[in-house]
C-alpha atoms as a PDB file:
ATOM      1  CA  MET A   1      -4.773 -10.332  11.001  1.00  0.00           C
ATOM      2  CA  LEU A   2      -2.223  -8.781   8.637  1.00  0.00           C
ATOM      3  CA  PRO A   3      -4.767  -6.465   6.964  1.00  0.00           C
ATOM      4  CA  ILE A   4      -5.826  -5.246  10.402  1.00  0.00           C
ATOM      5  CA  ALA A   5      -2.212  -4.525  11.369  1.00  0.00           C
ATOM      6  CA  ILE A   6      -1.628  -2.649   8.114  1.00  0.00           C
ATOM      7  CA  ALA A   7      -4.829  -0.629   8.599  1.00  0.00           C
ATOM      8  CA  ILE A   8      -3.780   0.325  12.133  1.00  0.00           C
ATOM      9  CA  LEU A   9      -0.335   1.384  10.906  1.00  0.00           C
ATOM     10  CA  VAL A  10      -1.885   3.528   8.166  1.00  0.00           C
ATOM     11  CA  LEU A  11      -4.175   5.177  10.721  1.00  0.00           C
ATOM     12  CA  GLY A  12      -1.140   5.742  12.954  1.00  0.00           C
ATOM     13  CA  MET A  13       0.712   7.335  10.048  1.00  0.00           C
ATOM     14  CA  ILE A  14      -2.193   9.684   9.362  1.00  0.00           C
ATOM     15  CA  TYR A  15      -2.428  10.558  13.051  1.00  0.00           C
ATOM     16  CA  ALA A  16       1.319  11.230  13.286  1.00  0.00           C
ATOM     17  CA  ILE A  17       1.156  13.569  10.301  1.00  0.00           C
ATOM     18  CA  THR A  18      -1.871  15.459  11.646  1.00  0.00           C
ATOM     19  CA  ILE A  19      -0.396  16.046  15.119  1.00  0.00           C
ATOM     20  CA  ALA A  20       2.893  17.325  13.734  1.00  0.00           C
ATOM     21  CA  PRO A  21       3.406  21.074  13.637  1.00  0.00           C
ATOM     22  CA  THR A  22       2.509  22.544  10.269  1.00  0.00           C
ATOM     23  CA  ALA A  23       6.147  23.327   9.461  1.00  0.00           C
ATOM     24  CA  GLN A  24       7.217  19.706  10.065  1.00  0.00           C
ATOM     25  CA  ARG A  25       4.362  17.731   8.504  1.00  0.00           C
ATOM     26  CA  ILE A  26       6.220  17.152   5.256  1.00  0.00           C
ATOM     27  CA  GLN A  27       9.313  16.009   7.141  1.00  0.00           C
ATOM     28  CA  VAL A  28       7.275  13.570   9.245  1.00  0.00           C
ATOM     29  CA  ALA A  29       5.499  12.215   6.157  1.00  0.00           C
ATOM     30  CA  LEU A  30       8.805  11.791   4.323  1.00  0.00           C
ATOM     31  CA  VAL A  31      10.393   9.931   7.231  1.00  0.00           C
ATOM     32  CA  LEU A  32       7.405   7.594   7.399  1.00  0.00           C
ATOM     33  CA  VAL A  33       7.386   6.914   3.664  1.00  0.00           C
ATOM     34  CA  VAL A  34      11.160   6.557   3.323  1.00  0.00           C
ATOM     35  CA  LEU A  35      11.599   4.195   6.279  1.00  0.00           C
ATOM     36  CA  THR A  36       8.596   2.102   5.271  1.00  0.00           C
ATOM     37  CA  ALA A  37       9.870   1.826   1.687  1.00  0.00           C
ATOM     38  CA  ALA A  38      13.396   1.089   2.908  1.00  0.00           C
ATOM     39  CA  GLY A  39      12.062  -1.681   5.131  1.00  0.00           C
ATOM     40  CA  TYR A  40      10.160  -3.166   2.210  1.00  0.00           C
ATOM     41  CA  GLY A  41      13.273  -2.994   0.028  1.00  0.00           C
ATOM     42  CA  VAL A  42      15.433  -4.686   2.647  1.00  0.00           C
ATOM     43  CA  GLY A  43      12.786  -7.345   3.139  1.00  0.00           C
ATOM     44  CA  THR A  44      12.761  -8.026  -0.587  1.00  0.00           C
ATOM     45  CA  LEU A  45      16.544  -8.180  -0.804  1.00  0.00           C
ATOM     46  CA  ILE A  46      16.926 -10.748   1.978  1.00  0.00           C
ATOM     47  CA  THR A  47      14.479 -13.214   0.456  1.00  0.00           C
ATOM     48  CA  GLN A  48      14.883 -15.865  -2.176  1.00  0.00           C
ATOM     49  CA  PRO A  49      12.881 -15.435  -5.386  1.00  0.00           C
ATOM     50  CA  GLY A  50      10.022 -17.859  -5.918  1.00  0.00           C
ATOM     51  CA  THR A  51       9.461 -18.670  -2.234  1.00  0.00           C
ATOM     52  CA  ASP A  52       6.832 -17.724   0.307  1.00  0.00           C
ATOM     53  CA  GLN A  53       9.437 -15.463   1.874  1.00  0.00           C
ATOM     54  CA  ARG A  54       8.699 -12.943  -0.893  1.00  0.00           C
ATOM     55  CA  THR A  55       5.185 -12.607   0.494  1.00  0.00           C
ATOM     56  CA  TYR A  56       5.858 -12.145   4.179  1.00  0.00           C
ATOM     57  CA  TYR A  57       9.370 -10.775   4.714  1.00  0.00           C
ATOM     58  CA  PRO A  58       8.911  -7.522   2.764  1.00  0.00           C
ATOM     59  CA  ILE A  59       5.661  -6.788   4.587  1.00  0.00           C
ATOM     60  CA  ALA A  60       7.210  -7.534   7.975  1.00  0.00           C
ATOM     61  CA  ALA A  61      10.242  -5.387   7.153  1.00  0.00           C
ATOM     62  CA  ALA A  62       7.999  -2.532   5.981  1.00  0.00           C
ATOM     63  CA  ILE A  63       6.109  -2.730   9.273  1.00  0.00           C
ATOM     64  CA  ALA A  64       9.448  -2.655  11.118  1.00  0.00           C
ATOM     65  CA  GLY A  65      10.499   0.425   9.141  1.00  0.00           C
ATOM     66  CA  THR A  66       7.214   2.107  10.039  1.00  0.00           C
ATOM     67  CA  MET A  67       7.726   1.292  13.711  1.00  0.00           C
ATOM     68  CA  ILE A  68      11.212   2.798  13.600  1.00  0.00           C
ATOM     69  CA  ALA A  69       9.678   5.927  12.065  1.00  0.00           C
ATOM     70  CA  PHE A  70       7.123   6.019  14.890  1.00  0.00           C
ATOM     71  CA  GLY A  71       9.980   5.867  17.383  1.00  0.00           C
ATOM     72  CA  TRP A  72      11.692   8.770  15.642  1.00  0.00           C
ATOM     73  CA  ILE A  73       8.436  10.761  15.678  1.00  0.00           C
ATOM     74  CA  SER A  74       7.927  10.005  19.363  1.00  0.00           C
ATOM     75  CA  ASN A  75      11.412  11.294  20.141  1.00  0.00           C
ATOM     76  CA  LYS A  76      10.958  14.331  17.887  1.00  0.00           C
ATOM     77  CA  ARG A  77       7.575  15.096  19.451  1.00  0.00           C
ATOM     78  CA  LYS A  78       9.272  16.010  22.729  1.00  0.00           C
ATOM     79  CA  SER A  79      10.650  19.150  21.085  1.00  0.00           C
ATOM     80  CA  TRP A  80       7.356  20.250  19.505  1.00  0.00           C
ATOM     81  CA  VAL A  81       5.577  23.253  20.971  1.00  0.00           C
ATOM     82  CA  LYS A  82       2.737  22.202  23.254  1.00  0.00           C
ATOM     83  CA  ASN A  83      -0.683  23.773  22.783  1.00  0.00           C
ATOM     84  CA  ASP A  84      -1.782  24.667  26.295  1.00  0.00           C
ATOM     85  CA  PRO A  85      -5.328  26.096  26.344  1.00  0.00           C
ATOM     86  CA  LYS A  86      -4.745  27.557  29.826  1.00  0.00           C
ATOM     87  CA  LYS A  87      -1.999  29.910  28.616  1.00  0.00           C
ATOM     88  CA  PRO A  88      -3.133  33.138  26.905  1.00  0.00           C
END
């Protein structure tokens, strides 16, 4: 189940980067990478070395960081210019 969740998050990341306006694609990618890495780092810091926590907590925290980034992108998307094919 975890590999499926990770694959879906990666596809979501790619989708979020492709729908972003060209001028903001790098910013969106950086937010995704930074928050995912920060989540992984926090997950590693809160665990005890040599336990099973080191396997699951960092991954769960990285997923949480990615979800926070998706929330930021969703909020930011409201200000992006809409492509309306009906307008000339």
